[in-house]
Amino acid sequence: MSLAYVRVLYLTIKGGSIEVVVRIDKCVADYFLRRELLPQQKMLEEEEHHLLFSCQIAYEDEILRLVRYWIPHIHIVTPTSLEQRLKEELAGYLTSFSL
């Protein structure tokens, strides 16, 4: 069973995908332009210092893992609830070191 098949099955059961827009710094943009690193990625806009991409995810952790890997060069633009979840998780992680 392939990963693509599992993803389609999950989307079918769950009832759709979530669109996420991310801002990627130009210093790492080549990686995203050479390969599809985000699920079903589409470039929306190119600006002076960054690119905007949209992607379709089946579940939140699918994009959160990728964003964590590319910090500080990638930021979630929408949905804001997902951006907030990431900030809270990172703050909790950093707080655990101050104990």
N, C-alpha and C. Protein backbone atom coordinates (compact mmCIF):
# COMPACT_ATOMS: atom_id res chain seq x y z
N MET A 1 0.86 -1.17 0.00
CA MET A 1 0.00 0.00 0.00
C MET A 1 0.90 1.24 0.00
N SER A 2 0.73 2.10 -0.98
CA SER A 2 1.59 3.28 -1.09
C SER A 2 1.11 4.41 -0.17
N LEU A 3 2.03 5.32 0.10
CA LEU A 3 1.71 6.47 0.93
C LEU A 3 0.65 7.34 0.26
N ALA A 4 0.74 7.50 -1.05
CA ALA A 4 -0.25 8.29 -1.78
C ALA A 4 -1.65 7.68 -1.63
N TYR A 5 -1.73 6.34 -1.69
CA TYR A 5 -3.01 5.67 -1.53
C TYR A 5 -3.57 5.89 -0.13
N VAL A 6 -2.73 5.78 0.88
CA VAL A 6 -3.16 5.99 2.26
C VAL A 6 -3.67 7.41 2.44
N ARG A 7 -2.96 8.38 1.84
CA ARG A 7 -3.37 9.79 1.94
C ARG A 7 -4.74 10.01 1.31
N VAL A 8 -4.97 9.44 0.13
CA VAL A 8 -6.27 9.57 -0.55
C VAL A 8 -7.36 8.91 0.28
N LEU A 9 -7.07 7.75 0.83
CA LEU A 9 -8.04 7.06 1.69
C LEU A 9 -8.39 7.90 2.90
N TYR A 10 -7.39 8.49 3.55
CA TYR A 10 -7.62 9.34 4.72
C TYR A 10 -8.49 10.55 4.34
N LEU A 11 -8.17 11.20 3.22
CA LEU A 11 -8.96 12.35 2.78
C LEU A 11 -10.40 11.96 2.50
N THR A 12 -10.60 10.79 1.92
CA THR A 12 -11.94 10.33 1.60
C THR A 12 -12.75 10.10 2.88
N ILE A 13 -12.13 9.47 3.86
CA ILE A 13 -12.82 9.19 5.13
C ILE A 13 -13.07 10.48 5.89
N LYS A 14 -12.07 11.35 5.95
CA LYS A 14 -12.17 12.59 6.71
C LYS A 14 -13.12 13.59 6.06
N GLY A 15 -13.19 13.57 4.73
CA GLY A 15 -14.12 14.47 4.05
C GLY A 15 -13.46 15.68 3.43
N GLY A 16 -12.22 15.59 3.03
CA GLY A 16 -11.60 16.70 2.33
C GLY A 16 -10.24 17.06 2.87
N SER A 17 -9.67 18.08 2.27
CA SER A 17 -8.34 18.53 2.67
C SER A 17 -8.41 19.95 3.21
N ILE A 18 -7.30 20.38 3.79
CA ILE A 18 -7.18 21.73 4.34
C ILE A 18 -6.18 22.49 3.48
N GLU A 19 -6.56 23.68 3.03
CA GLU A 19 -5.61 24.50 2.27
C GLU A 19 -4.77 25.32 3.25
N VAL A 20 -3.46 25.28 3.04
CA VAL A 20 -2.53 26.04 3.87
C VAL A 20 -1.70 26.92 2.94
N VAL A 21 -1.50 28.16 3.34
CA VAL A 21 -0.63 29.08 2.61
C VAL A 21 0.59 29.34 3.48
N VAL A 22 1.77 29.19 2.89
CA VAL A 22 3.01 29.41 3.62
C VAL A 22 3.87 30.42 2.87
N ARG A 23 4.67 31.15 3.66
CA ARG A 23 5.63 32.11 3.12
C ARG A 23 7.02 31.52 3.29
N ILE A 24 7.76 31.43 2.20
CA ILE A 24 9.07 30.80 2.21
C ILE A 24 10.13 31.83 1.83
N ASP A 25 11.17 31.94 2.66
CA ASP A 25 12.26 32.87 2.38
C ASP A 25 12.96 32.48 1.09
N LYS A 26 13.39 33.50 0.33
CA LYS A 26 14.05 33.24 -0.95
C LYS A 26 15.34 32.45 -0.80
N CYS A 27 16.00 32.54 0.35
CA CYS A 27 17.27 31.83 0.52
C CYS A 27 17.11 30.32 0.46
N VAL A 28 15.89 29.79 0.66
CA VAL A 28 15.64 28.36 0.55
C VAL A 28 14.61 28.03 -0.53
N ALA A 29 14.17 29.03 -1.27
CA ALA A 29 13.11 28.85 -2.26
C ALA A 29 13.47 27.83 -3.34
N ASP A 30 14.75 27.77 -3.72
CA ASP A 30 15.15 26.82 -4.76
C ASP A 30 14.77 25.39 -4.43
N TYR A 31 14.85 25.02 -3.17
CA TYR A 31 14.48 23.66 -2.77
C TYR A 31 13.02 23.38 -3.08
N PHE A 32 12.17 24.37 -2.85
CA PHE A 32 10.73 24.21 -3.07
C PHE A 32 10.37 24.32 -4.55
N LEU A 33 11.20 25.02 -5.31
CA LEU A 33 10.95 25.15 -6.74
C LEU A 33 11.43 23.91 -7.51
N ARG A 34 12.46 23.25 -7.02
CA ARG A 34 12.99 22.06 -7.69
C ARG A 34 12.14 20.82 -7.47
N ARG A 35 11.61 20.68 -6.26
CA ARG A 35 10.83 19.50 -5.90
C ARG A 35 9.56 19.92 -5.20
N GLU A 36 8.56 19.09 -5.26
CA GLU A 36 7.33 19.35 -4.53
C GLU A 36 7.52 18.86 -3.10
N LEU A 37 7.96 19.77 -2.23
CA LEU A 37 8.20 19.42 -0.83
C LEU A 37 6.93 19.49 0.00
N LEU A 38 6.01 20.34 -0.41
CA LEU A 38 4.72 20.47 0.27
C LEU A 38 3.69 19.63 -0.47
N PRO A 39 2.70 19.08 0.22
CA PRO A 39 1.69 18.27 -0.46
C PRO A 39 0.85 19.10 -1.43
N GLN A 40 0.87 18.72 -2.69
CA GLN A 40 0.12 19.41 -3.75
C GLN A 40 0.43 20.90 -3.78
N GLN A 41 1.70 21.24 -3.74
CA GLN A 41 2.10 22.65 -3.66
C GLN A 41 1.88 23.39 -4.97
N LYS A 42 1.53 24.67 -4.83
CA LYS A 42 1.37 25.59 -5.96
C LYS A 42 1.95 26.93 -5.55
N MET A 43 2.79 27.50 -6.40
CA MET A 43 3.32 28.82 -6.08
C MET A 43 2.25 29.86 -6.41
N LEU A 44 1.96 30.71 -5.45
CA LEU A 44 0.94 31.74 -5.62
C LEU A 44 1.53 33.08 -6.04
N GLU A 45 2.67 33.42 -5.45
CA GLU A 45 3.19 34.77 -5.63
C GLU A 45 4.68 34.81 -5.32
N GLU A 46 5.39 35.63 -6.06
CA GLU A 46 6.80 35.85 -5.79
C GLU A 46 6.99 37.30 -5.39
N GLU A 47 7.57 37.51 -4.23
CA GLU A 47 7.85 38.86 -3.75
C GLU A 47 9.35 39.04 -3.60
N GLU A 48 9.78 40.21 -3.21
CA GLU A 48 11.20 40.52 -3.18
C GLU A 48 12.02 39.57 -2.31
N HIS A 49 11.51 39.25 -1.12
CA HIS A 49 12.29 38.45 -0.18
C HIS A 49 11.72 37.07 0.10
N HIS A 50 10.56 36.76 -0.47
CA HIS A 50 9.96 35.46 -0.20
C HIS A 50 8.97 35.06 -1.30
N LEU A 51 8.56 33.80 -1.24
CA LEU A 51 7.55 33.25 -2.13
C LEU A 51 6.36 32.79 -1.30
N LEU A 52 5.19 32.85 -1.88
CA LEU A 52 3.99 32.31 -1.23
C LEU A 52 3.57 31.05 -1.96
N PHE A 53 3.34 30.00 -1.20
CA PHE A 53 2.88 28.72 -1.74
C PHE A 53 1.60 28.32 -1.05
N SER A 54 0.74 27.65 -1.79
CA SER A 54 -0.41 27.00 -1.16
C SER A 54 -0.17 25.50 -1.26
N CYS A 55 -0.78 24.77 -0.35
CA CYS A 55 -0.71 23.32 -0.39
C CYS A 55 -1.98 22.76 0.22
N GLN A 56 -2.22 21.49 -0.04
CA GLN A 56 -3.40 20.81 0.49
C GLN A 56 -2.92 19.72 1.43
N ILE A 57 -3.42 19.75 2.66
CA ILE A 57 -3.00 18.74 3.63
C ILE A 57 -4.20 17.92 4.08
N ALA A 58 -3.90 16.70 4.49
CA ALA A 58 -4.95 15.81 4.98
C ALA A 58 -5.16 16.00 6.47
N TYR A 59 -4.08 16.31 7.20
CA TYR A 59 -4.17 16.51 8.64
C TYR A 59 -3.09 17.50 9.04
N GLU A 60 -3.27 18.19 10.15
CA GLU A 60 -2.41 19.30 10.54
C GLU A 60 -0.94 18.91 10.72
N ASP A 61 -0.68 17.76 11.31
CA ASP A 61 0.72 17.36 11.55
C ASP A 61 1.49 17.15 10.25
N GLU A 62 0.79 16.93 9.16
CA GLU A 62 1.45 16.75 7.87
C GLU A 62 2.26 18.00 7.49
N ILE A 63 1.72 19.18 7.74
CA ILE A 63 2.43 20.42 7.42
C ILE A 63 3.29 20.90 8.59
N LEU A 64 2.84 20.66 9.81
CA LEU A 64 3.60 21.13 10.97
C LEU A 64 4.99 20.51 11.03
N ARG A 65 5.12 19.24 10.67
CA ARG A 65 6.44 18.60 10.64
C ARG A 65 7.36 19.28 9.65
N LEU A 66 6.83 19.62 8.48
CA LEU A 66 7.63 20.29 7.46
C LEU A 66 8.03 21.70 7.89
N VAL A 67 7.10 22.41 8.48
CA VAL A 67 7.39 23.78 8.92
C VAL A 67 8.46 23.76 10.01
N ARG A 68 8.34 22.85 10.97
CA ARG A 68 9.35 22.75 12.03
C ARG A 68 10.74 22.50 11.44
N TYR A 69 10.81 21.66 10.43
CA TYR A 69 12.09 21.34 9.80
C TYR A 69 12.73 22.57 9.15
N TRP A 70 11.91 23.42 8.53
CA TRP A 70 12.42 24.57 7.77
C TRP A 70 12.48 25.87 8.58
N ILE A 71 12.13 25.84 9.88
CA ILE A 71 12.25 27.05 10.71
C ILE A 71 13.69 27.51 10.66
N PRO A 72 13.98 28.75 10.48
CA PRO A 72 13.15 29.95 10.49
C PRO A 72 12.77 30.45 9.10
N HIS A 73 12.89 29.59 8.08
CA HIS A 73 12.73 30.04 6.70
C HIS A 73 11.32 29.87 6.14
N ILE A 74 10.40 29.36 6.93
CA ILE A 74 9.03 29.15 6.46
C ILE A 74 8.06 29.59 7.56
N HIS A 75 6.95 30.20 7.14
CA HIS A 75 5.94 30.70 8.08
C HIS A 75 4.56 30.36 7.54
N ILE A 76 3.67 29.95 8.42
CA ILE A 76 2.28 29.68 8.03
C ILE A 76 1.54 31.01 7.96
N VAL A 77 0.92 31.28 6.82
CA VAL A 77 0.13 32.50 6.63
C VAL A 77 -1.33 32.22 6.99
N THR A 78 -1.88 31.18 6.42
CA THR A 78 -3.24 30.75 6.74
C THR A 78 -3.27 29.23 6.75
N PRO A 79 -4.12 28.64 7.54
CA PRO A 79 -5.05 29.23 8.49
C PRO A 79 -4.31 29.70 9.75
N THR A 80 -4.78 30.78 10.30
CA THR A 80 -4.13 31.36 11.48
C THR A 80 -4.21 30.44 12.69
N SER A 81 -5.24 29.60 12.74
CA SER A 81 -5.35 28.65 13.86
C SER A 81 -4.19 27.66 13.85
N LEU A 82 -3.74 27.30 12.68
CA LEU A 82 -2.61 26.37 12.55
C LEU A 82 -1.30 27.07 12.94
N GLU A 83 -1.17 28.32 12.54
CA GLU A 83 0.00 29.11 12.93
C GLU A 83 0.04 29.25 14.46
N GLN A 84 -1.11 29.51 15.07
CA GLN A 84 -1.18 29.65 16.52
C GLN A 84 -0.82 28.34 17.22
N ARG A 85 -1.31 27.22 16.70
CA ARG A 85 -0.98 25.92 17.29
C ARG A 85 0.53 25.69 17.27
N LEU A 86 1.18 26.02 16.15
CA LEU A 86 2.63 25.86 16.03
C LEU A 86 3.35 26.74 17.05
N LYS A 87 2.93 27.99 17.18
CA LYS A 87 3.55 28.90 18.15
C LYS A 87 3.43 28.38 19.57
N GLU A 88 2.26 27.86 19.92
CA GLU A 88 2.03 27.33 21.27
C GLU A 88 2.91 26.09 21.52
N GLU A 89 3.02 25.22 20.53
CA GLU A 89 3.86 24.03 20.67
C GLU A 89 5.33 24.42 20.83
N LEU A 90 5.79 25.38 20.05
CA LEU A 90 7.18 25.82 20.14
C LEU A 90 7.45 26.51 21.47
N ALA A 91 6.50 27.32 21.92
CA ALA A 91 6.66 28.00 23.21
C ALA A 91 6.73 26.98 24.35
N GLY A 92 5.89 25.96 24.28
CA GLY A 92 5.92 24.90 25.29
C GLY A 92 7.24 24.15 25.28
N TYR A 93 7.76 23.91 24.11
CA TYR A 93 9.05 23.23 23.98
C TYR A 93 10.16 24.06 24.60
N LEU A 94 10.19 25.36 24.29
CA LEU A 94 11.22 26.24 24.82
C LEU A 94 11.09 26.42 26.33
N THR A 95 9.87 26.46 26.83
CA THR A 95 9.63 26.59 28.25
C THR A 95 10.15 25.38 29.03
N SER A 96 10.07 24.22 28.41
CA SER A 96 10.54 23.01 29.10
C SER A 96 12.04 23.04 29.40
N PHE A 97 12.79 23.86 28.70
CA PHE A 97 14.23 23.97 28.96
C PHE A 97 14.56 24.93 30.10
N SER A 98 13.60 25.74 30.51
CA SER A 98 13.87 26.71 31.57
C SER A 98 13.60 26.13 32.97
N LEU A 99 13.22 24.89 33.04
CA LEU A 99 12.93 24.27 34.33
C LEU A 99 14.17 23.94 35.11
